[in-house]
Amino acid sequence: MKEQTIGDILRESRVAQHLTLEEVEERTSISSSYLLALELEQFQLIPENQIEDFIQKYEDKMDKEGEII
């Protein structure tokens, strides 16, 4: 069985709540392009000093606080 990645957890949580990236953008104030980069684990597209903060904001709004990082 494949171990879940950060991106998998974020995406599955969003989909389970029937939310679009745009709706998560409204909740987190993080651009949907960065949210997509997080879900696809394309961290090079996100300013390095904001990656951890974005993950924490995303997981907090998806009720996953402390489960990812």
PDB file of N, CA and C in Angstrom:
ATOM      1  N   MET A   1       0.841  -1.183   0.000  1.00  0.00           N
ATOM      2  CA  MET A   1       0.000   0.000   0.000  1.00  0.00           C
ATOM      3  C   MET A   1       0.885   1.246   0.000  1.00  0.00           C
ATOM      4  N   LYS A   2       0.548   2.187  -0.839  1.00  0.00           N
ATOM      5  CA  LYS A   2       1.308   3.425  -0.973  1.00  0.00           C
ATOM      6  C   LYS A   2       1.056   4.337   0.227  1.00  0.00           C
ATOM      7  N   GLU A   3       2.142   4.865   0.770  1.00  0.00           N
ATOM      8  CA  GLU A   3       2.012   5.815   1.875  1.00  0.00           C
ATOM      9  C   GLU A   3       1.495   7.148   1.332  1.00  0.00           C
ATOM     10  N   GLN A   4       0.571   7.764   2.065  1.00  0.00           N
ATOM     11  CA  GLN A   4       0.000   9.043   1.628  1.00  0.00           C
ATOM     12  C   GLN A   4       1.025  10.159   1.775  1.00  0.00           C
ATOM     13  N   THR A   5       1.031  11.034   0.793  1.00  0.00           N
ATOM     14  CA  THR A   5       1.896  12.199   0.821  1.00  0.00           C
ATOM     15  C   THR A   5       1.119  13.392   1.372  1.00  0.00           C
ATOM     16  N   ILE A   6       1.827  14.453   1.646  1.00  0.00           N
ATOM     17  CA  ILE A   6       1.193  15.696   2.103  1.00  0.00           C
ATOM     18  C   ILE A   6       0.131  16.140   1.097  1.00  0.00           C
ATOM     19  N   GLY A   7       0.500  16.128  -0.167  1.00  0.00           N
ATOM     20  CA  GLY A   7      -0.434  16.546  -1.213  1.00  0.00           C
ATOM     21  C   GLY A   7      -1.678  15.678  -1.262  1.00  0.00           C
ATOM     22  N   ASP A   8      -1.477  14.356  -1.111  1.00  0.00           N
ATOM     23  CA  ASP A   8      -2.620  13.433  -1.094  1.00  0.00           C
ATOM     24  C   ASP A   8      -3.582  13.775   0.033  1.00  0.00           C
ATOM     25  N   ILE A   9      -3.037  13.992   1.218  1.00  0.00           N
ATOM     26  CA  ILE A   9      -3.866  14.278   2.398  1.00  0.00           C
ATOM     27  C   ILE A   9      -4.654  15.571   2.210  1.00  0.00           C
ATOM     28  N   LEU A  10      -3.978  16.616   1.726  1.00  0.00           N
ATOM     29  CA  LEU A  10      -4.644  17.900   1.510  1.00  0.00           C
ATOM     30  C   LEU A  10      -5.752  17.773   0.474  1.00  0.00           C
ATOM     31  N   ARG A  11      -5.435  17.153  -0.655  1.00  0.00           N
ATOM     32  CA  ARG A  11      -6.414  17.013  -1.734  1.00  0.00           C
ATOM     33  C   ARG A  11      -7.606  16.160  -1.285  1.00  0.00           C
ATOM     34  N   GLU A  12      -7.340  15.022  -0.652  1.00  0.00           N
ATOM     35  CA  GLU A  12      -8.432  14.147  -0.217  1.00  0.00           C
ATOM     36  C   GLU A  12      -9.338  14.836   0.799  1.00  0.00           C
ATOM     37  N   SER A  13      -8.754  15.622   1.674  1.00  0.00           N
ATOM     38  CA  SER A  13      -9.551  16.349   2.658  1.00  0.00           C
ATOM     39  C   SER A  13     -10.443  17.378   1.972  1.00  0.00           C
ATOM     40  N   ARG A  14      -9.882  18.093   1.003  1.00  0.00           N
ATOM     41  CA  ARG A  14     -10.657  19.100   0.273  1.00  0.00           C
ATOM     42  C   ARG A  14     -11.795  18.449  -0.501  1.00  0.00           C
ATOM     43  N   VAL A  15     -11.492  17.380  -1.207  1.00  0.00           N
ATOM     44  CA  VAL A  15     -12.493  16.694  -2.020  1.00  0.00           C
ATOM     45  C   VAL A  15     -13.587  16.093  -1.139  1.00  0.00           C
ATOM     46  N   ALA A  16     -13.196  15.529  -0.002  1.00  0.00           N
ATOM     47  CA  ALA A  16     -14.173  14.935   0.918  1.00  0.00           C
ATOM     48  C   ALA A  16     -15.170  15.971   1.428  1.00  0.00           C
ATOM     49  N   GLN A  17     -14.725  17.225   1.495  1.00  0.00           N
ATOM     50  CA  GLN A  17     -15.599  18.300   1.956  1.00  0.00           C
ATOM     51  C   GLN A  17     -16.293  19.014   0.796  1.00  0.00           C
ATOM     52  N   HIS A  18     -16.121  18.480  -0.414  1.00  0.00           N
ATOM     53  CA  HIS A  18     -16.750  19.017  -1.619  1.00  0.00           C
ATOM     54  C   HIS A  18     -16.387  20.489  -1.844  1.00  0.00           C
ATOM     55  N   LEU A  19     -15.111  20.804  -1.632  1.00  0.00           N
ATOM     56  CA  LEU A  19     -14.637  22.174  -1.809  1.00  0.00           C
ATOM     57  C   LEU A  19     -13.785  22.282  -3.065  1.00  0.00           C
ATOM     58  N   THR A  20     -13.896  23.408  -3.737  1.00  0.00           N
ATOM     59  CA  THR A  20     -13.023  23.698  -4.867  1.00  0.00           C
ATOM     60  C   THR A  20     -11.769  24.390  -4.338  1.00  0.00           C
ATOM     61  N   LEU A  21     -10.761  24.466  -5.180  1.00  0.00           N
ATOM     62  CA  LEU A  21      -9.556  25.203  -4.791  1.00  0.00           C
ATOM     63  C   LEU A  21      -9.892  26.670  -4.519  1.00  0.00           C
ATOM     64  N   GLU A  22     -10.832  27.202  -5.275  1.00  0.00           N
ATOM     65  CA  GLU A  22     -11.214  28.601  -5.091  1.00  0.00           C
ATOM     66  C   GLU A  22     -11.872  28.821  -3.724  1.00  0.00           C
ATOM     67  N   GLU A  23     -12.655  27.848  -3.273  1.00  0.00           N
ATOM     68  CA  GLU A  23     -13.284  27.961  -1.953  1.00  0.00           C
ATOM     69  C   GLU A  23     -12.241  27.871  -0.839  1.00  0.00           C
ATOM     70  N   VAL A  24     -11.246  27.021  -1.033  1.00  0.00           N
ATOM     71  CA  VAL A  24     -10.168  26.934  -0.042  1.00  0.00           C
ATOM     72  C   VAL A  24      -9.348  28.219  -0.067  1.00  0.00           C
ATOM     73  N   GLU A  25      -9.170  28.799  -1.248  1.00  0.00           N
ATOM     74  CA  GLU A  25      -8.474  30.077  -1.367  1.00  0.00           C
ATOM     75  C   GLU A  25      -9.188  31.143  -0.532  1.00  0.00           C
ATOM     76  N   GLU A  26     -10.511  31.173  -0.586  1.00  0.00           N
ATOM     77  CA  GLU A  26     -11.276  32.137   0.203  1.00  0.00           C
ATOM     78  C   GLU A  26     -11.075  31.916   1.697  1.00  0.00           C
ATOM     79  N   ARG A  27     -11.024  30.657   2.113  1.00  0.00           N
ATOM     80  CA  ARG A  27     -10.867  30.325   3.534  1.00  0.00           C
ATOM     81  C   ARG A  27      -9.466  30.619   4.063  1.00  0.00           C
ATOM     82  N   THR A  28      -8.455  30.432   3.203  1.00  0.00           N
ATOM     83  CA  THR A  28      -7.064  30.509   3.671  1.00  0.00           C
ATOM     84  C   THR A  28      -6.333  31.776   3.250  1.00  0.00           C
ATOM     85  N   SER A  29      -6.861  32.483   2.272  1.00  0.00           N
ATOM     86  CA  SER A  29      -6.183  33.631   1.668  1.00  0.00           C
ATOM     87  C   SER A  29      -4.883  33.226   0.980  1.00  0.00           C
ATOM     88  N   ILE A  30      -4.813  31.966   0.548  1.00  0.00           N
ATOM     89  CA  ILE A  30      -3.676  31.463  -0.226  1.00  0.00           C
ATOM     90  C   ILE A  30      -4.155  31.301  -1.662  1.00  0.00           C
ATOM     91  N   SER A  31      -3.382  31.816  -2.596  1.00  0.00           N
ATOM     92  CA  SER A  31      -3.739  31.723  -4.006  1.00  0.00           C
ATOM     93  C   SER A  31      -4.013  30.273  -4.399  1.00  0.00           C
ATOM     94  N   SER A  32      -5.055  30.067  -5.204  1.00  0.00           N
ATOM     95  CA  SER A  32      -5.398  28.709  -5.630  1.00  0.00           C
ATOM     96  C   SER A  32      -4.258  28.058  -6.417  1.00  0.00           C
ATOM     97  N   SER A  33      -3.434  28.857  -7.081  1.00  0.00           N
ATOM     98  CA  SER A  33      -2.289  28.276  -7.795  1.00  0.00           C
ATOM     99  C   SER A  33      -1.283  27.681  -6.808  1.00  0.00           C
ATOM    100  N   TYR A  34      -1.103  28.320  -5.659  1.00  0.00           N
ATOM    101  CA  TYR A  34      -0.229  27.762  -4.630  1.00  0.00           C
ATOM    102  C   TYR A  34      -0.874  26.539  -3.971  1.00  0.00           C
ATOM    103  N   LEU A  35      -2.185  26.584  -3.778  1.00  0.00           N
ATOM    104  CA  LEU A  35      -2.875  25.432  -3.204  1.00  0.00           C
ATOM    105  C   LEU A  35      -2.723  24.219  -4.111  1.00  0.00           C
ATOM    106  N   LEU A  36      -2.870  24.424  -5.406  1.00  0.00           N
ATOM    107  CA  LEU A  36      -2.700  23.333  -6.362  1.00  0.00           C
ATOM    108  C   LEU A  36      -1.261  22.821  -6.324  1.00  0.00           C
ATOM    109  N   ALA A  37      -0.302  23.738  -6.236  1.00  0.00           N
ATOM    110  CA  ALA A  37       1.106  23.330  -6.144  1.00  0.00           C
ATOM    111  C   ALA A  37       1.337  22.475  -4.895  1.00  0.00           C
ATOM    112  N   LEU A  38       0.688  22.828  -3.787  1.00  0.00           N
ATOM    113  CA  LEU A  38       0.806  22.014  -2.572  1.00  0.00           C
ATOM    114  C   LEU A  38       0.233  20.625  -2.815  1.00  0.00           C
ATOM    115  N   GLU A  39      -0.939  20.554  -3.402  1.00  0.00           N
ATOM    116  CA  GLU A  39      -1.580  19.264  -3.639  1.00  0.00           C
ATOM    117  C   GLU A  39      -0.773  18.391  -4.591  1.00  0.00           C
ATOM    118  N   LEU A  40      -0.102  19.019  -5.549  1.00  0.00           N
ATOM    119  CA  LEU A  40       0.708  18.276  -6.524  1.00  0.00           C
ATOM    120  C   LEU A  40       2.157  18.127  -6.060  1.00  0.00           C
ATOM    121  N   GLU A  41       2.452  18.673  -4.891  1.00  0.00           N
ATOM    122  CA  GLU A  41       3.795  18.648  -4.302  1.00  0.00           C
ATOM    123  C   GLU A  41       4.843  19.260  -5.223  1.00  0.00           C
ATOM    124  N   GLN A  42       4.459  20.345  -5.859  1.00  0.00           N
ATOM    125  CA  GLN A  42       5.373  21.107  -6.698  1.00  0.00           C
ATOM    126  C   GLN A  42       5.857  22.309  -5.898  1.00  0.00           C
ATOM    127  N   PHE A  43       6.572  21.993  -4.831  1.00  0.00           N
ATOM    128  CA  PHE A  43       6.985  22.999  -3.863  1.00  0.00           C
ATOM    129  C   PHE A  43       7.906  24.065  -4.455  1.00  0.00           C
ATOM    130  N   GLN A  44       8.570  23.743  -5.554  1.00  0.00           N
ATOM    131  CA  GLN A  44       9.450  24.722  -6.188  1.00  0.00           C
ATOM    132  C   GLN A  44       8.678  25.916  -6.743  1.00  0.00           C
ATOM    133  N   LEU A  45       7.358  25.792  -6.871  1.00  0.00           N
ATOM    134  CA  LEU A  45       6.521  26.884  -7.376  1.00  0.00           C
ATOM    135  C   LEU A  45       6.059  27.842  -6.283  1.00  0.00           C
ATOM    136  N   ILE A  46       6.393  27.512  -5.044  1.00  0.00           N
ATOM    137  CA  ILE A  46       5.961  28.302  -3.890  1.00  0.00           C
ATOM    138  C   ILE A  46       7.189  28.952  -3.266  1.00  0.00           C
ATOM    139  N   PRO A  47       7.096  30.222  -2.869  1.00  0.00           N
ATOM    140  CA  PRO A  47       8.238  30.844  -2.186  1.00  0.00           C
ATOM    141  C   PRO A  47       8.665  29.972  -0.989  1.00  0.00           C
ATOM    142  N   GLU A  48       9.942  29.652  -0.947  1.00  0.00           N
ATOM    143  CA  GLU A  48      10.459  28.709   0.042  1.00  0.00           C
ATOM    144  C   GLU A  48      10.091  29.061   1.476  1.00  0.00           C
ATOM    145  N   ASN A  49      10.118  30.349   1.786  1.00  0.00           N
ATOM    146  CA  ASN A  49       9.829  30.769   3.160  1.00  0.00           C
ATOM    147  C   ASN A  49       8.345  30.711   3.511  1.00  0.00           C
ATOM    148  N   GLN A  50       7.485  30.315   2.551  1.00  0.00           N
ATOM    149  CA  GLN A  50       6.047  30.262   2.812  1.00  0.00           C
ATOM    150  C   GLN A  50       5.471  28.850   2.758  1.00  0.00           C
ATOM    151  N   ILE A  51       6.244  27.878   2.365  1.00  0.00           N
ATOM    152  CA  ILE A  51       5.723  26.523   2.186  1.00  0.00           C
ATOM    153  C   ILE A  51       5.117  25.983   3.474  1.00  0.00           C
ATOM    154  N   GLU A  52       5.862  25.999   4.548  1.00  0.00           N
ATOM    155  CA  GLU A  52       5.367  25.447   5.809  1.00  0.00           C
ATOM    156  C   GLU A  52       4.142  26.215   6.308  1.00  0.00           C
ATOM    157  N   ASP A  53       4.175  27.541   6.195  1.00  0.00           N
ATOM    158  CA  ASP A  53       3.038  28.358   6.624  1.00  0.00           C
ATOM    159  C   ASP A  53       1.789  28.018   5.811  1.00  0.00           C
ATOM    160  N   PHE A  54       1.939  27.857   4.502  1.00  0.00           N
ATOM    161  CA  PHE A  54       0.805  27.518   3.645  1.00  0.00           C
ATOM    162  C   PHE A  54       0.237  26.149   4.022  1.00  0.00           C
ATOM    163  N   ILE A  55       1.105  25.181   4.270  1.00  0.00           N
ATOM    164  CA  ILE A  55       0.636  23.843   4.657  1.00  0.00           C
ATOM    165  C   ILE A  55      -0.137  23.923   5.965  1.00  0.00           C
ATOM    166  N   GLN A  56       0.391  24.674   6.927  1.00  0.00           N
ATOM    167  CA  GLN A  56      -0.285  24.792   8.218  1.00  0.00           C
ATOM    168  C   GLN A  56      -1.647  25.463   8.077  1.00  0.00           C
ATOM    169  N   LYS A  57      -1.727  26.529   7.268  1.00  0.00           N
ATOM    170  CA  LYS A  57      -3.012  27.204   7.055  1.00  0.00           C
ATOM    171  C   LYS A  57      -4.010  26.280   6.366  1.00  0.00           C
ATOM    172  N   TYR A  58      -3.522  25.562   5.362  1.00  0.00           N
ATOM    173  CA  TYR A  58      -4.388  24.650   4.616  1.00  0.00           C
ATOM    174  C   TYR A  58      -4.916  23.562   5.550  1.00  0.00           C
ATOM    175  N   GLU A  59      -4.039  22.913   6.287  1.00  0.00           N
ATOM    176  CA  GLU A  59      -4.480  21.820   7.158  1.00  0.00           C
ATOM    177  C   GLU A  59      -5.396  22.327   8.272  1.00  0.00           C
ATOM    178  N   ASP A  60      -5.153  23.531   8.766  1.00  0.00           N
ATOM    179  CA  ASP A  60      -6.013  24.102   9.807  1.00  0.00           C
ATOM    180  C   ASP A  60      -7.436  24.294   9.283  1.00  0.00           C
ATOM    181  N   LYS A  61      -7.563  24.819   8.088  1.00  0.00           N
ATOM    182  CA  LYS A  61      -8.884  25.066   7.505  1.00  0.00           C
ATOM    183  C   LYS A  61      -9.566  23.784   7.052  1.00  0.00           C
ATOM    184  N   MET A  62      -8.808  22.716   6.880  1.00  0.00           N
ATOM    185  CA  MET A  62      -9.371  21.425   6.474  1.00  0.00           C
ATOM    186  C   MET A  62      -9.534  20.499   7.675  1.00  0.00           C
ATOM    187  N   ASP A  63      -9.389  21.030   8.883  1.00  0.00           N
ATOM    188  CA  ASP A  63      -9.510  20.247  10.115  1.00  0.00           C
ATOM    189  C   ASP A  63      -8.506  19.102  10.149  1.00  0.00           C
ATOM    190  N   LYS A  64      -7.291  19.353   9.670  1.00  0.00           N
ATOM    191  CA  LYS A  64      -6.235  18.347   9.679  1.00  0.00           C
ATOM    192  C   LYS A  64      -5.057  18.820  10.515  1.00  0.00           C
ATOM    193  N   GLU A  65      -5.282  19.787  11.379  1.00  0.00           N
ATOM    194  CA  GLU A  65      -4.212  20.398  12.149  1.00  0.00           C
ATOM    195  C   GLU A  65      -3.383  19.344  12.887  1.00  0.00           C
ATOM    196  N   GLY A  66      -2.079  19.394  12.654  1.00  0.00           N
ATOM    197  CA  GLY A  66      -1.147  18.491  13.324  1.00  0.00           C
ATOM    198  C   GLY A  66      -1.019  17.136  12.696  1.00  0.00           C
ATOM    199  N   GLU A  67      -1.819  16.829  11.695  1.00  0.00           N
ATOM    200  CA  GLU A  67      -1.760  15.518  11.063  1.00  0.00           C
ATOM    201  C   GLU A  67      -0.760  15.463   9.927  1.00  0.00           C
ATOM    202  N   ILE A  68      -0.384  16.622   9.383  1.00  0.00           N
ATOM    203  CA  ILE A  68       0.459  16.637   8.201  1.00  0.00           C
ATOM    204  C   ILE A  68       1.902  16.962   8.558  1.00  0.00           C
ATOM    205  N   ILE A  69       2.098  18.068   9.272  1.00  0.00           N
ATOM    206  CA  ILE A  69       3.461  18.417   9.681  1.00  0.00           C
ATOM    207  C   ILE A  69       3.489  18.668  11.168  1.00  0.00           C
TER     208      ILE A  69
END
